[in-house]
Amino acid sequence: MFDVWFDGESVEPVVMQQLETKLQEAFNLPAAKAAVLVNGKSHRIKRGCTGDEAQKLSDQFASWGVKVRIEAIEHAVGSSAPGEVPSPNTASSTGSFTLAAAGEIIPTQPRDTTPPLVSTDHLQLEDL
């Protein structure tokens, strides 16, 4: 199984605008969801797909002038017994489009654990 990631950091703004339109047309995405995908950050665009599906998505994005990253993932625990063939995905690779959950950790990005700086200059103690 594979995950397909889109890293928007290295994509030019003109290409990002075109990509937003292409995503809306190809995947029937609302403008708001397409805008989230082209905000310049890293997003998982397809989770747990076959190698063929991942390659099709990669080819489709390449035709739009954008590269995606394909990462191999381990099978989920209890998803199928050894020797058992998982059921095929009935959705078309271009018809199903998923986003990573909000707040999900991106495995390829370092996690910043430093606390934010908070200014307390405006606070005062009041006598009761």
N, C-alpha and C. Protein backbone atom coordinates (compact mmCIF):
# COMPACT_ATOMS: atom_id res chain seq x y z
N MET A 1 0.84 -1.17 0.00
CA MET A 1 0.00 0.00 0.00
C MET A 1 0.89 1.25 0.00
N PHE A 2 0.34 2.32 -0.54
CA PHE A 2 1.10 3.54 -0.69
C PHE A 2 0.26 4.75 -0.31
N ASP A 3 0.95 5.79 0.17
CA ASP A 3 0.34 7.10 0.38
C ASP A 3 0.94 8.04 -0.65
N VAL A 4 0.12 8.94 -1.16
CA VAL A 4 0.58 9.92 -2.15
C VAL A 4 0.51 11.30 -1.49
N TRP A 5 1.64 12.01 -1.49
CA TRP A 5 1.76 13.31 -0.84
C TRP A 5 2.04 14.39 -1.87
N PHE A 6 1.49 15.58 -1.64
CA PHE A 6 1.78 16.74 -2.45
C PHE A 6 2.47 17.77 -1.56
N ASP A 7 3.69 18.16 -1.95
CA ASP A 7 4.45 19.18 -1.22
C ASP A 7 4.42 20.46 -2.03
N GLY A 8 3.69 21.44 -1.56
CA GLY A 8 3.50 22.67 -2.33
C GLY A 8 4.56 23.73 -2.14
N GLU A 9 5.57 23.45 -1.30
CA GLU A 9 6.58 24.47 -1.00
C GLU A 9 7.39 24.89 -2.22
N SER A 10 7.69 23.94 -3.10
CA SER A 10 8.59 24.25 -4.21
C SER A 10 7.85 24.57 -5.52
N VAL A 11 6.54 24.71 -5.45
CA VAL A 11 5.75 24.96 -6.65
C VAL A 11 5.54 26.46 -6.82
N GLU A 12 5.71 26.93 -8.03
CA GLU A 12 5.55 28.36 -8.32
C GLU A 12 4.09 28.78 -8.16
N PRO A 13 3.86 30.04 -7.76
CA PRO A 13 2.48 30.52 -7.53
C PRO A 13 1.58 30.39 -8.75
N VAL A 14 2.12 30.62 -9.94
CA VAL A 14 1.30 30.53 -11.16
C VAL A 14 0.81 29.09 -11.35
N VAL A 15 1.71 28.13 -11.11
CA VAL A 15 1.35 26.72 -11.25
C VAL A 15 0.34 26.33 -10.17
N MET A 16 0.48 26.90 -8.97
CA MET A 16 -0.46 26.59 -7.88
C MET A 16 -1.87 27.06 -8.23
N GLN A 17 -2.00 28.21 -8.87
CA GLN A 17 -3.32 28.70 -9.27
C GLN A 17 -3.94 27.77 -10.31
N GLN A 18 -3.12 27.33 -11.27
CA GLN A 18 -3.62 26.40 -12.28
C GLN A 18 -3.99 25.07 -11.65
N LEU A 19 -3.18 24.63 -10.67
CA LEU A 19 -3.45 23.36 -10.00
C LEU A 19 -4.77 23.41 -9.25
N GLU A 20 -5.07 24.54 -8.63
CA GLU A 20 -6.34 24.67 -7.90
C GLU A 20 -7.53 24.44 -8.84
N THR A 21 -7.46 25.01 -10.03
CA THR A 21 -8.53 24.82 -11.02
C THR A 21 -8.58 23.36 -11.49
N LYS A 22 -7.42 22.77 -11.74
CA LYS A 22 -7.37 21.37 -12.20
C LYS A 22 -7.94 20.43 -11.15
N LEU A 23 -7.63 20.67 -9.88
CA LEU A 23 -8.17 19.82 -8.80
C LEU A 23 -9.68 19.91 -8.74
N GLN A 24 -10.22 21.12 -8.90
CA GLN A 24 -11.67 21.29 -8.87
C GLN A 24 -12.32 20.53 -10.02
N GLU A 25 -11.73 20.61 -11.20
CA GLU A 25 -12.30 19.95 -12.37
C GLU A 25 -12.15 18.43 -12.30
N ALA A 26 -10.94 17.94 -11.98
CA ALA A 26 -10.67 16.50 -12.03
C ALA A 26 -11.32 15.72 -10.89
N PHE A 27 -11.39 16.32 -9.69
CA PHE A 27 -11.88 15.59 -8.53
C PHE A 27 -13.20 16.13 -7.98
N ASN A 28 -13.81 17.07 -8.69
CA ASN A 28 -15.07 17.68 -8.25
C ASN A 28 -14.96 18.24 -6.83
N LEU A 29 -13.84 18.89 -6.55
CA LEU A 29 -13.62 19.47 -5.23
C LEU A 29 -14.24 20.86 -5.15
N PRO A 30 -14.81 21.19 -4.00
CA PRO A 30 -15.25 22.56 -3.80
C PRO A 30 -14.03 23.49 -3.79
N ALA A 31 -14.23 24.72 -4.12
CA ALA A 31 -13.13 25.69 -4.18
C ALA A 31 -12.38 25.78 -2.86
N ALA A 32 -13.09 25.70 -1.74
CA ALA A 32 -12.44 25.81 -0.43
C ALA A 32 -11.46 24.67 -0.18
N LYS A 33 -11.85 23.44 -0.52
CA LYS A 33 -10.96 22.29 -0.32
C LYS A 33 -9.77 22.35 -1.26
N ALA A 34 -9.99 22.77 -2.48
CA ALA A 34 -8.88 22.90 -3.44
C ALA A 34 -7.90 23.96 -2.96
N ALA A 35 -8.42 25.04 -2.39
CA ALA A 35 -7.55 26.11 -1.89
C ALA A 35 -6.69 25.62 -0.73
N VAL A 36 -7.23 24.73 0.11
CA VAL A 36 -6.46 24.17 1.22
C VAL A 36 -5.29 23.35 0.68
N LEU A 37 -5.50 22.62 -0.39
CA LEU A 37 -4.45 21.77 -0.94
C LEU A 37 -3.32 22.57 -1.58
N VAL A 38 -3.60 23.77 -2.01
CA VAL A 38 -2.57 24.57 -2.69
C VAL A 38 -2.08 25.71 -1.80
N ASN A 39 -2.09 25.52 -0.48
CA ASN A 39 -1.65 26.57 0.43
C ASN A 39 -0.14 26.55 0.67
N GLY A 40 0.60 25.71 -0.05
CA GLY A 40 2.05 25.69 0.06
C GLY A 40 2.59 24.72 1.09
N LYS A 41 1.72 23.99 1.74
CA LYS A 41 2.16 23.02 2.75
C LYS A 41 2.10 21.61 2.17
N SER A 42 2.52 20.64 2.94
CA SER A 42 2.51 19.24 2.53
C SER A 42 1.16 18.62 2.90
N HIS A 43 0.54 17.93 1.93
CA HIS A 43 -0.76 17.29 2.15
C HIS A 43 -0.75 15.88 1.58
N ARG A 44 -1.36 14.96 2.33
CA ARG A 44 -1.56 13.62 1.80
C ARG A 44 -2.82 13.69 0.94
N ILE A 45 -2.68 13.33 -0.34
CA ILE A 45 -3.83 13.43 -1.23
C ILE A 45 -4.50 12.09 -1.47
N LYS A 46 -3.81 11.00 -1.16
CA LYS A 46 -4.42 9.67 -1.29
C LYS A 46 -3.76 8.76 -0.27
N ARG A 47 -4.56 8.06 0.50
CA ARG A 47 -4.06 7.19 1.56
C ARG A 47 -4.36 5.73 1.21
N GLY A 48 -3.37 4.86 1.41
CA GLY A 48 -3.58 3.42 1.29
C GLY A 48 -4.00 2.95 -0.09
N CYS A 49 -3.37 3.47 -1.13
CA CYS A 49 -3.74 3.05 -2.48
C CYS A 49 -2.73 2.04 -3.02
N THR A 50 -3.09 1.39 -4.10
CA THR A 50 -2.20 0.43 -4.73
C THR A 50 -1.10 1.17 -5.49
N GLY A 51 -0.10 0.43 -5.90
CA GLY A 51 0.98 1.02 -6.68
C GLY A 51 0.48 1.62 -7.98
N ASP A 52 -0.47 0.93 -8.63
CA ASP A 52 -1.02 1.44 -9.90
C ASP A 52 -1.77 2.75 -9.68
N GLU A 53 -2.58 2.81 -8.61
CA GLU A 53 -3.32 4.03 -8.32
C GLU A 53 -2.37 5.19 -8.02
N ALA A 54 -1.33 4.90 -7.23
CA ALA A 54 -0.34 5.93 -6.90
C ALA A 54 0.36 6.43 -8.15
N GLN A 55 0.70 5.51 -9.05
CA GLN A 55 1.38 5.92 -10.28
C GLN A 55 0.46 6.74 -11.18
N LYS A 56 -0.82 6.37 -11.24
CA LYS A 56 -1.78 7.13 -12.04
C LYS A 56 -1.90 8.57 -11.51
N LEU A 57 -1.99 8.70 -10.17
CA LEU A 57 -2.07 10.04 -9.59
C LEU A 57 -0.79 10.83 -9.87
N SER A 58 0.35 10.16 -9.74
CA SER A 58 1.62 10.81 -10.02
C SER A 58 1.68 11.30 -11.47
N ASP A 59 1.24 10.46 -12.40
CA ASP A 59 1.23 10.84 -13.81
C ASP A 59 0.27 12.01 -14.06
N GLN A 60 -0.89 11.97 -13.41
CA GLN A 60 -1.87 13.03 -13.59
C GLN A 60 -1.32 14.37 -13.09
N PHE A 61 -0.73 14.37 -11.90
CA PHE A 61 -0.17 15.60 -11.37
C PHE A 61 1.02 16.06 -12.21
N ALA A 62 1.82 15.12 -12.72
CA ALA A 62 2.96 15.48 -13.57
C ALA A 62 2.47 16.17 -14.85
N SER A 63 1.33 15.73 -15.38
CA SER A 63 0.79 16.37 -16.59
C SER A 63 0.37 17.82 -16.31
N TRP A 64 0.14 18.14 -15.04
CA TRP A 64 -0.20 19.50 -14.64
C TRP A 64 1.05 20.30 -14.25
N GLY A 65 2.22 19.67 -14.35
CA GLY A 65 3.48 20.35 -14.01
C GLY A 65 3.84 20.30 -12.54
N VAL A 66 3.27 19.34 -11.80
CA VAL A 66 3.49 19.24 -10.36
C VAL A 66 3.94 17.82 -10.03
N LYS A 67 4.90 17.71 -9.13
CA LYS A 67 5.36 16.39 -8.68
C LYS A 67 4.70 16.03 -7.36
N VAL A 68 4.44 14.73 -7.19
CA VAL A 68 3.95 14.23 -5.91
C VAL A 68 4.96 13.22 -5.38
N ARG A 69 4.85 12.93 -4.09
CA ARG A 69 5.74 11.98 -3.44
C ARG A 69 4.94 10.74 -3.08
N ILE A 70 5.46 9.58 -3.45
CA ILE A 70 4.79 8.31 -3.14
C ILE A 70 5.58 7.61 -2.05
N GLU A 71 4.90 7.28 -0.94
CA GLU A 71 5.56 6.61 0.18
C GLU A 71 4.90 5.26 0.42
N ALA A 72 5.73 4.23 0.57
CA ALA A 72 5.21 2.91 0.92
C ALA A 72 4.81 2.92 2.39
N ILE A 73 3.68 2.32 2.70
CA ILE A 73 3.22 2.24 4.09
C ILE A 73 3.05 0.79 4.47
N GLU A 74 3.11 0.54 5.77
CA GLU A 74 2.91 -0.82 6.27
C GLU A 74 1.41 -1.09 6.34
N HIS A 75 1.06 -2.38 6.24
CA HIS A 75 -0.35 -2.75 6.33
C HIS A 75 -0.85 -2.48 7.73
N ALA A 76 -2.09 -2.05 7.83
CA ALA A 76 -2.71 -1.80 9.12
C ALA A 76 -2.90 -3.11 9.86
N VAL A 77 -2.79 -3.09 11.17
CA VAL A 77 -2.94 -4.29 11.98
C VAL A 77 -4.37 -4.82 11.84
N GLY A 78 -4.51 -6.09 11.54
CA GLY A 78 -5.82 -6.71 11.43
C GLY A 78 -6.54 -6.42 10.13
N SER A 79 -5.87 -5.83 9.16
CA SER A 79 -6.56 -5.50 7.92
C SER A 79 -6.86 -6.74 7.10
N SER A 80 -5.95 -7.70 7.09
CA SER A 80 -6.22 -8.95 6.40
C SER A 80 -5.27 -10.01 6.93
N ALA A 81 -5.70 -11.23 6.87
CA ALA A 81 -4.88 -12.35 7.34
C ALA A 81 -3.81 -12.66 6.31
N PRO A 82 -2.68 -13.30 6.73
CA PRO A 82 -1.65 -13.64 5.75
C PRO A 82 -2.22 -14.55 4.68
N GLY A 83 -1.92 -14.26 3.45
CA GLY A 83 -2.40 -15.06 2.34
C GLY A 83 -3.77 -14.65 1.85
N GLU A 84 -4.45 -13.78 2.60
CA GLU A 84 -5.78 -13.34 2.20
C GLU A 84 -5.64 -12.14 1.27
N VAL A 85 -6.40 -12.15 0.21
CA VAL A 85 -6.36 -11.06 -0.76
C VAL A 85 -7.35 -9.99 -0.32
N PRO A 86 -6.88 -8.75 -0.12
CA PRO A 86 -7.82 -7.71 0.28
C PRO A 86 -8.81 -7.42 -0.83
N SER A 87 -9.99 -6.97 -0.44
CA SER A 87 -11.01 -6.69 -1.44
C SER A 87 -10.58 -5.50 -2.29
N PRO A 88 -10.90 -5.52 -3.58
CA PRO A 88 -10.48 -4.41 -4.44
C PRO A 88 -11.25 -3.15 -4.12
N ASN A 89 -10.61 -2.03 -4.36
CA ASN A 89 -11.24 -0.74 -4.15
C ASN A 89 -12.17 -0.48 -5.34
N THR A 90 -13.44 -0.24 -5.06
CA THR A 90 -14.39 -0.05 -6.14
C THR A 90 -14.40 1.37 -6.66
N ALA A 91 -13.82 2.30 -5.91
CA ALA A 91 -13.81 3.70 -6.35
C ALA A 91 -12.72 3.92 -7.38
N SER A 92 -13.00 4.80 -8.31
CA SER A 92 -12.02 5.15 -9.32
C SER A 92 -10.91 5.95 -8.67
N SER A 93 -9.67 5.81 -9.14
CA SER A 93 -8.55 6.52 -8.53
C SER A 93 -8.69 8.02 -8.68
N THR A 94 -9.37 8.47 -9.71
CA THR A 94 -9.56 9.91 -9.86
C THR A 94 -10.85 10.37 -9.19
N GLY A 95 -11.74 9.45 -8.81
CA GLY A 95 -13.00 9.82 -8.21
C GLY A 95 -12.91 9.96 -6.70
N SER A 96 -11.96 9.29 -6.06
CA SER A 96 -11.84 9.40 -4.62
C SER A 96 -10.61 10.21 -4.28
N PHE A 97 -10.80 11.19 -3.45
CA PHE A 97 -9.73 12.11 -3.09
C PHE A 97 -9.88 12.38 -1.61
N THR A 98 -8.85 12.10 -0.82
CA THR A 98 -8.95 12.29 0.61
C THR A 98 -7.88 13.24 1.11
N LEU A 99 -8.19 13.92 2.19
CA LEU A 99 -7.24 14.79 2.86
C LEU A 99 -6.84 14.15 4.18
N ALA A 100 -5.66 14.44 4.62
CA ALA A 100 -5.24 13.98 5.94
C ALA A 100 -6.08 14.70 6.98
N ALA A 101 -6.28 14.05 8.12
CA ALA A 101 -7.07 14.65 9.19
C ALA A 101 -6.37 15.88 9.75
N ALA A 102 -7.15 16.83 10.19
CA ALA A 102 -6.59 18.06 10.76
C ALA A 102 -5.73 17.71 11.97
N GLY A 103 -4.55 18.28 12.02
CA GLY A 103 -3.65 18.06 13.14
C GLY A 103 -2.83 16.79 13.05
N GLU A 104 -3.01 16.02 11.99
CA GLU A 104 -2.27 14.77 11.85
C GLU A 104 -0.79 15.06 11.63
N ILE A 105 0.06 14.24 12.23
CA ILE A 105 1.50 14.43 12.12
C ILE A 105 1.94 13.97 10.74
N ILE A 106 2.72 14.79 10.07
CA ILE A 106 3.27 14.43 8.77
C ILE A 106 4.60 13.73 9.03
N PRO A 107 4.73 12.46 8.65
CA PRO A 107 5.91 11.69 9.05
C PRO A 107 7.22 12.21 8.48
N THR A 108 7.20 12.95 7.40
CA THR A 108 8.44 13.42 6.80
C THR A 108 8.85 14.80 7.28
N GLN A 109 8.03 15.42 8.10
CA GLN A 109 8.33 16.76 8.59
C GLN A 109 8.71 16.71 10.06
N PRO A 110 9.78 17.41 10.47
CA PRO A 110 10.14 17.42 11.90
C PRO A 110 9.05 18.13 12.70
N ARG A 111 8.80 17.61 13.88
CA ARG A 111 7.76 18.19 14.72
C ARG A 111 8.39 19.19 15.68
N ASP A 112 7.88 20.39 15.69
CA ASP A 112 8.38 21.44 16.56
C ASP A 112 7.69 21.32 17.91
N THR A 113 8.46 21.05 18.96
CA THR A 113 7.88 20.87 20.30
C THR A 113 8.20 22.03 21.23
N THR A 114 8.81 23.09 20.71
CA THR A 114 9.11 24.24 21.56
C THR A 114 7.83 25.03 21.82
N PRO A 115 7.63 25.44 23.08
CA PRO A 115 6.41 26.19 23.38
C PRO A 115 6.47 27.58 22.77
N PRO A 116 5.33 28.13 22.40
CA PRO A 116 5.33 29.47 21.82
C PRO A 116 5.66 30.52 22.89
N LEU A 117 6.25 31.62 22.48
CA LEU A 117 6.53 32.73 23.40
C LEU A 117 5.24 33.49 23.65
N VAL A 118 4.98 33.75 24.93
CA VAL A 118 3.76 34.45 25.31
C VAL A 118 4.16 35.73 26.04
N SER A 119 3.64 36.84 25.61
CA SER A 119 3.92 38.11 26.26
C SER A 119 2.91 38.34 27.37
N THR A 120 3.43 38.63 28.55
CA THR A 120 2.56 38.91 29.70
C THR A 120 2.70 40.36 30.17
N ASP A 121 3.31 41.20 29.33
CA ASP A 121 3.55 42.60 29.69
C ASP A 121 2.25 43.37 29.98
N HIS A 122 1.17 42.98 29.39
CA HIS A 122 -0.09 43.71 29.52
C HIS A 122 -0.90 43.28 30.77
N LEU A 123 -0.44 42.28 31.49
CA LEU A 123 -1.17 41.76 32.64
C LEU A 123 -0.79 42.52 33.92
N GLN A 124 -1.77 42.68 34.85
CA GLN A 124 -1.53 43.35 36.12
C GLN A 124 -2.23 42.58 37.23
N LEU A 125 -1.70 42.71 38.45
CA LEU A 125 -2.37 42.13 39.62
C LEU A 125 -3.27 43.19 40.21
N GLU A 126 -4.43 42.75 40.62
CA GLU A 126 -5.39 43.69 41.20
C GLU A 126 -5.56 43.40 42.68
N ASP A 127 -5.54 44.43 43.52
CA ASP A 127 -5.77 44.28 44.96
C ASP A 127 -7.27 44.15 45.19
N LEU A 128 -7.61 43.17 46.03
CA LEU A 128 -9.03 43.00 46.36
C LEU A 128 -9.38 43.51 47.69
